[in-house]
Amino acid sequence: MKPVIRNEQDAANPILGPGDGVSSYVMLYVKHGPGESSPDHVHEWEHQAFITEGAGILVCGGKEYPVKTGDAVLVPGGVRHQFINTGDVPLHRVTVNPVESVQNK
């Protein structure tokens, strides 16, 4: 079996998922411009994020946590959360979610 290699510039989200032979998770590449954020939301599954560029805050369970380039984040399942770019440059993150997060969408 050959590896699957994708460049975020040439791929839609999820970057990697079931169509690539990945059975249990999906990988997303998410960009937030200055002042932008993810939706304030909650879901039953946990997920991980890795900040590849920029800085901001993660609002998780009603508390604010600073995040910056190089930070790895575990967002627990069942907890309301949101990533907010508070900087002057884009905030980029790689997020790994269970495959259930994109099924039936």
Protein backbone atom coordinates (compact mmCIF):
# COMPACT_ATOMS: atom_id res chain seq x y z
CA MET A 1 0.00 0.00 0.00
CA LYS A 2 1.27 3.47 -0.88
CA PRO A 3 1.11 6.42 1.51
CA VAL A 4 -1.43 9.18 0.88
CA ILE A 5 0.17 12.61 0.70
CA ARG A 6 -1.95 15.74 0.41
CA ASN A 7 -1.05 19.40 0.41
CA GLU A 8 -3.65 21.59 2.10
CA GLN A 9 -3.65 23.94 -0.90
CA ASP A 10 -4.93 21.17 -3.16
CA ALA A 11 -7.38 19.48 -0.81
CA ALA A 12 -10.80 20.11 0.65
CA ASN A 13 -11.63 19.21 4.23
CA PRO A 14 -11.27 16.62 5.48
CA ILE A 15 -7.73 16.47 4.11
CA LEU A 16 -7.55 12.77 5.03
CA GLY A 17 -10.52 10.53 5.72
CA PRO A 18 -12.48 7.45 4.70
CA GLY A 19 -11.94 8.06 0.98
CA ASP A 20 -8.22 7.68 1.61
CA GLY A 21 -8.52 4.38 3.45
CA VAL A 22 -8.59 5.98 6.91
CA SER A 23 -11.22 4.11 8.89
CA SER A 24 -11.38 5.73 12.31
CA TYR A 25 -10.53 9.45 12.04
CA VAL A 26 -10.43 12.47 9.76
CA MET A 27 -7.80 15.19 9.53
CA LEU A 28 -8.87 18.79 8.94
CA TYR A 29 -6.80 21.89 8.20
CA VAL A 30 -8.56 24.96 9.56
CA LYS A 31 -7.64 28.62 9.03
CA HIS A 32 -9.00 31.59 10.98
CA GLY A 33 -8.08 35.08 9.80
CA PRO A 34 -7.41 37.86 12.31
CA GLY A 35 -10.57 38.38 14.38
CA GLU A 36 -12.21 35.20 13.04
CA SER A 37 -13.27 32.16 15.04
CA SER A 38 -14.74 28.71 14.81
CA PRO A 39 -18.41 28.41 15.73
CA ASP A 40 -19.14 28.13 19.45
CA HIS A 41 -20.25 24.50 19.55
CA VAL A 42 -20.39 21.20 21.41
CA HIS A 43 -20.31 17.57 20.25
CA GLU A 44 -20.05 14.23 22.02
CA TRP A 45 -16.59 13.28 20.76
CA GLU A 46 -13.19 14.51 21.85
CA HIS A 47 -10.70 15.77 19.32
CA GLN A 48 -7.15 17.01 19.06
CA ALA A 49 -5.78 20.16 17.46
CA PHE A 50 -2.24 21.29 16.72
CA ILE A 51 -1.63 25.00 16.20
CA THR A 52 0.67 25.39 13.18
CA GLU A 53 0.61 29.19 12.93
CA GLY A 54 -0.62 32.19 14.89
CA ALA A 55 -2.07 32.70 18.34
CA GLY A 56 -5.45 33.06 19.96
CA ILE A 57 -7.64 31.61 22.64
CA LEU A 58 -9.55 28.40 23.08
CA VAL A 59 -12.77 28.95 24.97
CA CYS A 60 -13.54 25.56 26.52
CA GLY A 61 -16.16 24.94 29.16
CA GLY A 62 -16.59 28.69 29.65
CA LYS A 63 -12.90 29.33 30.41
CA GLU A 64 -10.30 30.95 28.15
CA TYR A 65 -6.98 29.25 27.41
CA PRO A 66 -4.23 30.91 25.33
CA VAL A 67 -2.97 28.91 22.33
CA LYS A 68 -0.03 29.60 20.02
CA THR A 69 2.14 28.04 17.34
CA GLY A 70 3.39 24.64 18.47
CA ASP A 71 0.61 23.96 21.00
CA ALA A 72 -1.17 20.59 21.01
CA VAL A 73 -4.73 20.71 22.35
CA LEU A 74 -7.15 18.02 23.51
CA VAL A 75 -10.76 19.20 23.51
CA PRO A 76 -12.87 16.87 25.69
CA GLY A 77 -16.11 15.48 24.34
CA GLY A 78 -19.35 17.03 25.55
CA VAL A 79 -17.76 20.42 26.33
CA ARG A 80 -18.73 23.65 24.54
CA HIS A 81 -15.70 25.15 22.80
CA GLN A 82 -14.47 27.69 20.26
CA PHE A 83 -11.12 28.73 18.78
CA ILE A 84 -10.71 32.52 18.42
CA ASN A 85 -7.89 34.26 16.56
CA THR A 86 -6.85 37.23 18.70
CA GLY A 87 -3.70 37.99 16.71
CA ASP A 88 -2.78 40.02 13.64
CA VAL A 89 -1.85 36.99 11.52
CA PRO A 90 -3.86 33.91 10.53
CA LEU A 91 -4.39 31.16 13.11
CA HIS A 92 -3.95 27.76 11.45
CA ARG A 93 -4.60 24.40 13.06
CA VAL A 94 -4.63 20.75 12.16
CA THR A 95 -7.55 19.00 13.81
CA VAL A 96 -8.04 15.24 14.16
CA ASN A 97 -11.62 14.10 14.75
CA PRO A 98 -13.27 10.68 14.85
CA VAL A 99 -14.75 9.65 11.51
CA GLU A 100 -18.24 10.03 13.01
CA SER A 101 -17.73 13.80 12.87
CA VAL A 102 -18.18 13.82 9.08
CA GLN A 103 -20.55 10.90 8.55
CA ASN A 104 -24.10 11.75 7.47
CA LYS A 105 -23.12 15.31 6.49
